[in-house]
Amino acid sequence: MSLRHAVLGLLSEGPASGYDLMKVFDVSLANVWPATQSQLYAELGKLADAGLVSVSAEGPRGRKEYAITDAGLAELRHWITEVEPVRAARSDMLLRVFFLAQVDPQQAKEYLRQQAEITAKRLEHIESIQGFVESGTDNLSVYGRIALEYGLRMATTQRQWAEWAEEQIR
């Protein structure tokens, strides 16, 4: 996934300013594809230059509202249906686990305990936005619930695995 497609996806639901997009991003996509405000605004400029979005309204203090163009919607649909997702096979966390024999067993257990705690915090965050996501009836909420469930299940499994792994070290 790229930031480009994340922005196109959000704009496919309707016009929005960079500020509005950032607010939606923070409670939805940031869990799977984080971005900063400067990255988001830079991407809007690139999308406009490429003809994939256009400025649909301008407000006070240079506030711009962007809308997806037909070309942008075609690009989004092409990406969704025809571009194979990149499935990252690298995990520096698991690479470290593979070599935990090189540290004291207590350090190894502590490392795994920390992984469980990190995942528990991620799970708490996901659960904290669950009510917000489930309260909506728009497309982003409906499909956001599906993505949120994936995050909940993955975080739960990762936490359980880290707790189990810690118990395996003698």
C-alpha atoms as a PDB file:
ATOM      1  CA  MET A   1       0.000   0.000   0.000  1.00  0.00           C
ATOM      2  CA  SER A   2       1.154   3.486  -0.583  1.00  0.00           C
ATOM      3  CA  LEU A   3       0.154   6.776   0.904  1.00  0.00           C
ATOM      4  CA  ARG A   4      -1.033   7.682  -2.587  1.00  0.00           C
ATOM      5  CA  HIS A   5      -3.672   4.975  -2.526  1.00  0.00           C
ATOM      6  CA  ALA A   6      -4.655   5.690   1.060  1.00  0.00           C
ATOM      7  CA  VAL A   7      -5.404   9.315   0.161  1.00  0.00           C
ATOM      8  CA  LEU A   8      -7.254   8.310  -3.006  1.00  0.00           C
ATOM      9  CA  GLY A   9      -9.290   5.843  -0.979  1.00  0.00           C
ATOM     10  CA  LEU A  10     -10.287   8.465   1.558  1.00  0.00           C
ATOM     11  CA  LEU A  11     -11.174  10.965  -1.149  1.00  0.00           C
ATOM     12  CA  SER A  12     -13.263   8.338  -2.957  1.00  0.00           C
ATOM     13  CA  GLU A  13     -15.757   8.806  -0.112  1.00  0.00           C
ATOM     14  CA  GLY A  14     -16.051  12.533  -0.807  1.00  0.00           C
ATOM     15  CA  PRO A  15     -14.095  15.786  -0.991  1.00  0.00           C
ATOM     16  CA  ALA A  16     -11.974  16.755   1.994  1.00  0.00           C
ATOM     17  CA  SER A  17      -9.277  19.175   3.042  1.00  0.00           C
ATOM     18  CA  GLY A  18      -5.840  18.015   4.119  1.00  0.00           C
ATOM     19  CA  TYR A  19      -6.849  18.750   7.716  1.00  0.00           C
ATOM     20  CA  ASP A  20     -10.022  16.659   7.374  1.00  0.00           C
ATOM     21  CA  LEU A  21      -8.061  13.823   5.786  1.00  0.00           C
ATOM     22  CA  MET A  22      -5.521  13.878   8.614  1.00  0.00           C
ATOM     23  CA  LYS A  23      -8.286  13.589  11.225  1.00  0.00           C
ATOM     24  CA  VAL A  24      -9.813  10.577   9.469  1.00  0.00           C
ATOM     25  CA  PHE A  25      -6.368   9.118   8.886  1.00  0.00           C
ATOM     26  CA  ASP A  26      -5.487   9.324  12.575  1.00  0.00           C
ATOM     27  CA  VAL A  27      -8.481   7.244  13.669  1.00  0.00           C
ATOM     28  CA  SER A  28      -8.451   4.744  10.843  1.00  0.00           C
ATOM     29  CA  LEU A  29      -5.596   4.234   8.422  1.00  0.00           C
ATOM     30  CA  ALA A  30      -2.827   5.257  10.815  1.00  0.00           C
ATOM     31  CA  ASN A  31      -3.153   1.813  12.374  1.00  0.00           C
ATOM     32  CA  VAL A  32      -2.089   0.137   9.148  1.00  0.00           C
ATOM     33  CA  TRP A  33      -0.262   2.862   7.249  1.00  0.00           C
ATOM     34  CA  PRO A  34       0.966   5.724   9.426  1.00  0.00           C
ATOM     35  CA  ALA A  35       1.750   9.100   7.883  1.00  0.00           C
ATOM     36  CA  THR A  36       2.659  12.534   9.129  1.00  0.00           C
ATOM     37  CA  GLN A  37       0.850  15.730   8.263  1.00  0.00           C
ATOM     38  CA  SER A  38       3.722  16.871   6.049  1.00  0.00           C
ATOM     39  CA  GLN A  39       3.704  13.547   4.161  1.00  0.00           C
ATOM     40  CA  LEU A  40      -0.049  13.796   3.631  1.00  0.00           C
ATOM     41  CA  TYR A  41       0.100  17.357   2.307  1.00  0.00           C
ATOM     42  CA  ALA A  42       3.042  16.519   0.047  1.00  0.00           C
ATOM     43  CA  GLU A  43       1.111  13.562  -1.340  1.00  0.00           C
ATOM     44  CA  LEU A  44      -1.928  15.741  -2.040  1.00  0.00           C
ATOM     45  CA  GLY A  45       0.322  17.998  -4.105  1.00  0.00           C
ATOM     46  CA  LYS A  46       1.720  15.046  -6.038  1.00  0.00           C
ATOM     47  CA  LEU A  47      -1.760  13.667  -6.665  1.00  0.00           C
ATOM     48  CA  ALA A  48      -2.940  17.047  -7.939  1.00  0.00           C
ATOM     49  CA  ASP A  49       0.099  17.336 -10.223  1.00  0.00           C
ATOM     50  CA  ALA A  50      -0.660  13.861 -11.591  1.00  0.00           C
ATOM     51  CA  GLY A  51      -4.304  14.768 -12.234  1.00  0.00           C
ATOM     52  CA  LEU A  52      -5.585  12.155  -9.780  1.00  0.00           C
ATOM     53  CA  VAL A  53      -7.197  14.751  -7.492  1.00  0.00           C
ATOM     54  CA  SER A  54      -8.313  18.310  -8.049  1.00  0.00           C
ATOM     55  CA  VAL A  55      -8.982  21.277  -5.815  1.00  0.00           C
ATOM     56  CA  SER A  56     -12.764  21.360  -5.542  1.00  0.00           C
ATOM     57  CA  ALA A  57     -13.041  24.367  -3.223  1.00  0.00           C
ATOM     58  CA  GLU A  58     -10.839  26.991  -1.632  1.00  0.00           C
ATOM     59  CA  GLY A  59     -11.558  28.608   1.686  1.00  0.00           C
ATOM     60  CA  PRO A  60     -10.077  31.183   4.020  1.00  0.00           C
ATOM     61  CA  ARG A  61      -6.329  31.192   4.738  1.00  0.00           C
ATOM     62  CA  GLY A  62      -5.596  29.055   1.681  1.00  0.00           C
ATOM     63  CA  ARG A  63      -7.637  26.057   2.870  1.00  0.00           C
ATOM     64  CA  LYS A  64      -8.133  23.705  -0.059  1.00  0.00           C
ATOM     65  CA  GLU A  65     -10.643  20.933  -0.398  1.00  0.00           C
ATOM     66  CA  TYR A  66      -9.643  18.104  -2.711  1.00  0.00           C
ATOM     67  CA  ALA A  67     -11.792  15.716  -4.724  1.00  0.00           C
ATOM     68  CA  ILE A  68     -10.783  12.558  -6.506  1.00  0.00           C
ATOM     69  CA  THR A  69     -10.882  12.765 -10.309  1.00  0.00           C
ATOM     70  CA  ASP A  70     -12.071  10.057 -12.672  1.00  0.00           C
ATOM     71  CA  ALA A  71      -8.417   9.211 -13.322  1.00  0.00           C
ATOM     72  CA  GLY A  72      -7.802   8.991  -9.583  1.00  0.00           C
ATOM     73  CA  LEU A  73     -10.760   6.663  -9.095  1.00  0.00           C
ATOM     74  CA  ALA A  74      -9.554   4.499 -11.992  1.00  0.00           C
ATOM     75  CA  GLU A  75      -6.072   4.347 -10.401  1.00  0.00           C
ATOM     76  CA  LEU A  76      -7.554   3.377  -7.030  1.00  0.00           C
ATOM     77  CA  ARG A  77      -9.714   0.648  -8.559  1.00  0.00           C
ATOM     78  CA  HIS A  78      -6.769  -0.673 -10.586  1.00  0.00           C
ATOM     79  CA  TRP A  79      -4.614  -0.809  -7.452  1.00  0.00           C
ATOM     80  CA  ILE A  80      -7.339  -2.557  -5.404  1.00  0.00           C
ATOM     81  CA  THR A  81      -8.108  -5.249  -7.957  1.00  0.00           C
ATOM     82  CA  GLU A  82      -5.021  -5.725 -10.110  1.00  0.00           C
ATOM     83  CA  VAL A  83      -1.914  -4.923  -8.079  1.00  0.00           C
ATOM     84  CA  GLU A  84      -0.773  -7.809  -5.888  1.00  0.00           C
ATOM     85  CA  PRO A  85      -0.225  -6.692  -2.283  1.00  0.00           C
ATOM     86  CA  VAL A  86       3.340  -6.671  -1.009  1.00  0.00           C
ATOM     87  CA  ARG A  87       3.478  -9.229   1.750  1.00  0.00           C
ATOM     88  CA  ALA A  88       6.405  -8.235   3.902  1.00  0.00           C
ATOM     89  CA  ALA A  89       8.216 -11.335   5.088  1.00  0.00           C
ATOM     90  CA  ARG A  90      10.744  -9.506   7.233  1.00  0.00           C
ATOM     91  CA  SER A  91      10.422  -9.092  10.966  1.00  0.00           C
ATOM     92  CA  ASP A  92      13.340  -7.718  12.918  1.00  0.00           C
ATOM     93  CA  MET A  93      11.491  -8.733  16.100  1.00  0.00           C
ATOM     94  CA  LEU A  94      11.419 -12.399  15.026  1.00  0.00           C
ATOM     95  CA  LEU A  95      14.993 -12.232  13.772  1.00  0.00           C
ATOM     96  CA  ARG A  96      16.007 -11.205  17.300  1.00  0.00           C
ATOM     97  CA  VAL A  97      13.948 -14.077  18.733  1.00  0.00           C
ATOM     98  CA  PHE A  98      15.840 -16.471  16.487  1.00  0.00           C
ATOM     99  CA  PHE A  99      19.101 -15.390  18.136  1.00  0.00           C
ATOM    100  CA  LEU A 100      17.913 -15.046  21.743  1.00  0.00           C
ATOM    101  CA  ALA A 101      20.245 -17.904  22.724  1.00  0.00           C
ATOM    102  CA  GLN A 102      23.047 -15.355  22.476  1.00  0.00           C
ATOM    103  CA  VAL A 103      21.841 -13.486  25.584  1.00  0.00           C
ATOM    104  CA  ASP A 104      21.206 -14.561  29.145  1.00  0.00           C
ATOM    105  CA  PRO A 105      17.925 -16.530  29.484  1.00  0.00           C
ATOM    106  CA  GLN A 106      16.560 -13.855  31.812  1.00  0.00           C
ATOM    107  CA  GLN A 107      17.260 -11.195  29.154  1.00  0.00           C
ATOM    108  CA  ALA A 108      15.562 -13.371  26.567  1.00  0.00           C
ATOM    109  CA  LYS A 109      12.486 -13.719  28.781  1.00  0.00           C
ATOM    110  CA  GLU A 110      12.462  -9.979  29.404  1.00  0.00           C
ATOM    111  CA  TYR A 111      12.634  -9.301  25.663  1.00  0.00           C
ATOM    112  CA  LEU A 112       9.605 -11.534  25.078  1.00  0.00           C
ATOM    113  CA  ARG A 113       7.751  -9.982  28.008  1.00  0.00           C
ATOM    114  CA  GLN A 114       8.369  -6.552  26.468  1.00  0.00           C
ATOM    115  CA  GLN A 115       6.982  -7.785  23.161  1.00  0.00           C
ATOM    116  CA  ALA A 116       3.828  -8.951  24.948  1.00  0.00           C
ATOM    117  CA  GLU A 117       3.509  -5.552  26.656  1.00  0.00           C
ATOM    118  CA  ILE A 118       4.037  -3.632  23.410  1.00  0.00           C
ATOM    119  CA  THR A 119       1.395  -5.732  21.713  1.00  0.00           C
ATOM    120  CA  ALA A 120      -0.979  -5.322  24.664  1.00  0.00           C
ATOM    121  CA  LYS A 121      -0.650  -1.532  24.318  1.00  0.00           C
ATOM    122  CA  ARG A 122      -1.326  -1.768  20.579  1.00  0.00           C
ATOM    123  CA  LEU A 123      -4.369  -3.904  21.354  1.00  0.00           C
ATOM    124  CA  GLU A 124      -5.611  -1.298  23.877  1.00  0.00           C
ATOM    125  CA  HIS A 125      -5.257   1.409  21.247  1.00  0.00           C
ATOM    126  CA  ILE A 126      -7.173  -0.597  18.667  1.00  0.00           C
ATOM    127  CA  GLU A 127      -9.898  -1.328  21.212  1.00  0.00           C
ATOM    128  CA  SER A 128     -10.069   2.382  22.102  1.00  0.00           C
ATOM    129  CA  ILE A 129     -11.102   3.318  18.563  1.00  0.00           C
ATOM    130  CA  GLN A 130     -13.455   0.379  18.123  1.00  0.00           C
ATOM    131  CA  GLY A 131     -16.511   2.317  19.323  1.00  0.00           C
ATOM    132  CA  PHE A 132     -15.786   5.180  16.953  1.00  0.00           C
ATOM    133  CA  VAL A 133     -15.388   2.875  13.958  1.00  0.00           C
ATOM    134  CA  GLU A 134     -18.483   0.862  14.824  1.00  0.00           C
ATOM    135  CA  SER A 135     -20.627   3.974  15.250  1.00  0.00           C
ATOM    136  CA  GLY A 136     -20.495   4.919  11.574  1.00  0.00           C
ATOM    137  CA  THR A 137     -22.535   3.620   8.678  1.00  0.00           C
ATOM    138  CA  ASP A 138     -20.454   5.026   5.820  1.00  0.00           C
ATOM    139  CA  ASN A 139     -18.194   2.859   3.665  1.00  0.00           C
ATOM    140  CA  LEU A 140     -15.086   3.715   5.683  1.00  0.00           C
ATOM    141  CA  SER A 141     -16.797   2.513   8.851  1.00  0.00           C
ATOM    142  CA  VAL A 142     -18.204  -0.680   7.321  1.00  0.00           C
ATOM    143  CA  TYR A 143     -14.895  -1.764   5.805  1.00  0.00           C
ATOM    144  CA  GLY A 144     -12.959  -0.164   8.637  1.00  0.00           C
ATOM    145  CA  ARG A 145     -14.683  -2.618  11.003  1.00  0.00           C
ATOM    146  CA  ILE A 146     -13.345  -5.492   8.924  1.00  0.00           C
ATOM    147  CA  ALA A 147      -9.802  -4.084   8.997  1.00  0.00           C
ATOM    148  CA  LEU A 148     -10.142  -3.335  12.716  1.00  0.00           C
ATOM    149  CA  GLU A 149     -11.115  -6.939  13.405  1.00  0.00           C
ATOM    150  CA  TYR A 150      -7.971  -8.085  11.613  1.00  0.00           C
ATOM    151  CA  GLY A 151      -5.907  -5.799  13.839  1.00  0.00           C
ATOM    152  CA  LEU A 152      -7.655  -7.041  16.980  1.00  0.00           C
ATOM    153  CA  ARG A 153      -7.104 -10.675  16.067  1.00  0.00           C
ATOM    154  CA  MET A 154      -3.471 -10.169  15.042  1.00  0.00           C
ATOM    155  CA  ALA A 155      -2.599  -8.219  18.188  1.00  0.00           C
ATOM    156  CA  THR A 156      -4.335 -10.778  20.400  1.00  0.00           C
ATOM    157  CA  THR A 157      -2.472 -13.637  18.730  1.00  0.00           C
ATOM    158  CA  GLN A 158       0.875 -11.817  18.899  1.00  0.00           C
ATOM    159  CA  ARG A 159       0.412 -11.065  22.595  1.00  0.00           C
ATOM    160  CA  GLN A 160      -0.530 -14.685  23.328  1.00  0.00           C
ATOM    161  CA  TRP A 161       2.453 -15.929  21.319  1.00  0.00           C
ATOM    162  CA  ALA A 162       4.903 -13.662  23.196  1.00  0.00           C
ATOM    163  CA  GLU A 163       3.514 -14.830  26.551  1.00  0.00           C
ATOM    164  CA  TRP A 164       3.799 -18.468  25.449  1.00  0.00           C
ATOM    165  CA  ALA A 165       7.331 -17.931  24.099  1.00  0.00           C
ATOM    166  CA  GLU A 166       8.477 -16.403  27.378  1.00  0.00           C
ATOM    167  CA  GLU A 167       7.316 -19.554  29.188  1.00  0.00           C
ATOM    168  CA  GLN A 168       9.370 -21.726  26.813  1.00  0.00           C
ATOM    169  CA  ILE A 169      12.686 -20.286  28.021  1.00  0.00           C
ATOM    170  CA  ARG A 170      14.176 -22.109  30.982  1.00  0.00           C
END
